[in-house]
Amino acid sequence: MTDVLLHITDASGTEHEIKAAVGQNIMEVAVANRVDGIDAECGGACSCATCHVYVAEHWADAVGEPNALEAEMLDFARAERRPTSRLSCQIRITSELDGLKLAVAAD
């Protein structure tokens, strides 16, 4: 497995630089590294929107658009939905995401 470096700004504004394995999802990595604001109540089943993040604009194309189920769940997110909103449980880490920047959506 190859590792990539993620830059996640948590709900309190602290940036975390986290090494993550290709194949994991962002939510798993954030929970394992105790990133504040990623509650992940459903455990990654795309059914709660408590792992809502904002992808940095220049990374939006690399991450891609949410699928229909994720887009529907984002409508129920507590924080403001933005054009780069995603659920971190639905972003699978690939080698192309090395250096990815995102921020936890604060309620």
Protein backbone atom coordinates (compact mmCIF):
# COMPACT_ATOMS: atom_id res chain seq x y z
CA MET A 1 0.00 0.00 0.00
CA THR A 2 1.06 3.51 -0.75
CA ASP A 3 0.59 6.38 1.67
CA VAL A 4 -0.62 9.85 0.79
CA LEU A 5 -0.51 13.02 2.85
CA LEU A 6 -3.81 14.69 3.79
CA HIS A 7 -4.26 18.18 5.22
CA ILE A 8 -7.45 18.30 7.27
CA THR A 9 -8.51 21.43 9.15
CA ASP A 10 -10.74 20.39 12.02
CA ALA A 11 -13.80 22.13 13.48
CA SER A 12 -11.65 24.20 15.84
CA GLY A 13 -9.36 25.42 13.04
CA THR A 14 -6.39 23.15 13.76
CA GLU A 15 -4.72 21.66 10.69
CA HIS A 16 -3.77 18.00 10.84
CA GLU A 17 -1.22 16.50 8.46
CA ILE A 18 -2.11 12.84 8.27
CA LYS A 19 -0.54 9.99 6.33
CA ALA A 20 -3.21 7.69 4.97
CA ALA A 21 -3.18 4.48 2.99
CA VAL A 22 -4.58 4.28 -0.50
CA GLY A 23 -7.91 2.47 -0.36
CA GLN A 24 -9.10 3.91 2.95
CA ASN A 25 -11.77 6.57 3.07
CA ILE A 26 -11.25 10.02 4.57
CA MET A 27 -13.69 9.39 7.42
CA GLU A 28 -11.79 6.30 8.62
CA VAL A 29 -8.54 8.24 8.65
CA ALA A 30 -10.08 11.26 10.40
CA VAL A 31 -11.69 9.14 13.12
CA ALA A 32 -8.50 7.14 13.68
CA ASN A 33 -6.58 10.41 14.08
CA ARG A 34 -9.22 12.03 16.31
CA VAL A 35 -10.01 14.92 13.97
CA ASP A 36 -12.48 17.16 15.83
CA GLY A 37 -15.86 17.46 14.12
CA ILE A 38 -15.94 14.13 12.28
CA ASP A 39 -18.61 12.33 14.32
CA ALA A 40 -19.26 9.51 11.82
CA GLU A 41 -22.39 8.39 13.64
CA CYS A 42 -23.37 5.88 10.94
CA GLY A 43 -19.88 4.41 10.65
CA GLY A 44 -19.52 5.22 6.97
CA ALA A 45 -22.87 3.99 5.65
CA CYS A 46 -23.71 7.36 4.00
CA SER A 47 -26.78 7.75 6.19
CA CYS A 48 -26.10 10.56 8.67
CA ALA A 49 -24.02 13.43 7.18
CA THR A 50 -21.95 13.77 10.38
CA CYS A 51 -18.69 13.51 8.45
CA HIS A 52 -19.39 16.54 6.23
CA VAL A 53 -16.27 18.23 4.85
CA TYR A 54 -15.42 21.01 2.41
CA VAL A 55 -12.87 20.01 -0.20
CA ALA A 56 -10.46 22.80 -1.17
CA GLU A 57 -11.64 24.24 -4.50
CA HIS A 58 -8.51 23.32 -6.43
CA TRP A 59 -9.00 19.66 -5.35
CA ALA A 60 -12.69 19.43 -6.29
CA ASP A 61 -12.12 17.87 -9.73
CA ALA A 62 -9.70 15.26 -8.37
CA VAL A 63 -12.14 14.25 -5.63
CA GLY A 64 -15.16 14.25 -7.93
CA GLU A 65 -18.85 14.88 -7.46
CA PRO A 66 -21.06 13.18 -4.88
CA ASN A 67 -23.29 10.36 -6.12
CA ALA A 68 -27.08 10.70 -5.82
CA LEU A 69 -27.34 9.17 -2.32
CA GLU A 70 -24.51 11.31 -0.97
CA ALA A 71 -26.00 14.45 -2.55
CA GLU A 72 -29.31 13.68 -0.84
CA MET A 73 -27.61 13.17 2.54
CA LEU A 74 -25.76 16.48 2.15
CA ASP A 75 -29.17 18.17 2.03
CA PHE A 76 -29.61 17.05 5.67
CA ALA A 77 -26.19 18.18 6.89
CA ARG A 78 -26.21 20.52 9.88
CA ALA A 79 -23.62 22.87 8.37
CA GLU A 80 -24.05 24.94 5.23
CA ARG A 81 -23.84 22.94 2.03
CA ARG A 82 -21.29 24.39 -0.39
CA PRO A 83 -20.33 23.47 -3.97
CA THR A 84 -17.35 21.48 -2.63
CA SER A 85 -19.26 19.73 0.18
CA ARG A 86 -18.70 15.99 0.44
CA LEU A 87 -19.21 13.29 3.02
CA SER A 88 -15.76 12.10 4.04
CA CYS A 89 -16.98 8.48 4.22
CA GLN A 90 -17.57 8.62 0.47
CA ILE A 91 -14.12 9.87 -0.55
CA ARG A 92 -11.87 6.89 -1.24
CA ILE A 93 -8.15 7.72 -1.02
CA THR A 94 -6.17 7.28 -4.22
CA SER A 95 -2.58 8.17 -5.03
CA GLU A 96 -3.91 11.15 -7.02
CA LEU A 97 -5.15 12.69 -3.75
CA ASP A 98 -1.66 13.09 -2.26
CA GLY A 99 -1.66 16.55 -0.66
CA LEU A 100 -5.47 16.82 -0.52
CA LYS A 101 -6.75 19.74 1.56
CA LEU A 102 -10.14 19.76 3.19
CA ALA A 103 -11.90 21.29 6.17
CA VAL A 104 -14.46 19.82 8.54
CA ALA A 105 -17.80 21.56 8.20
CA ALA A 106 -18.61 23.13 11.57
CA ASP A 107 -22.22 23.13 12.74
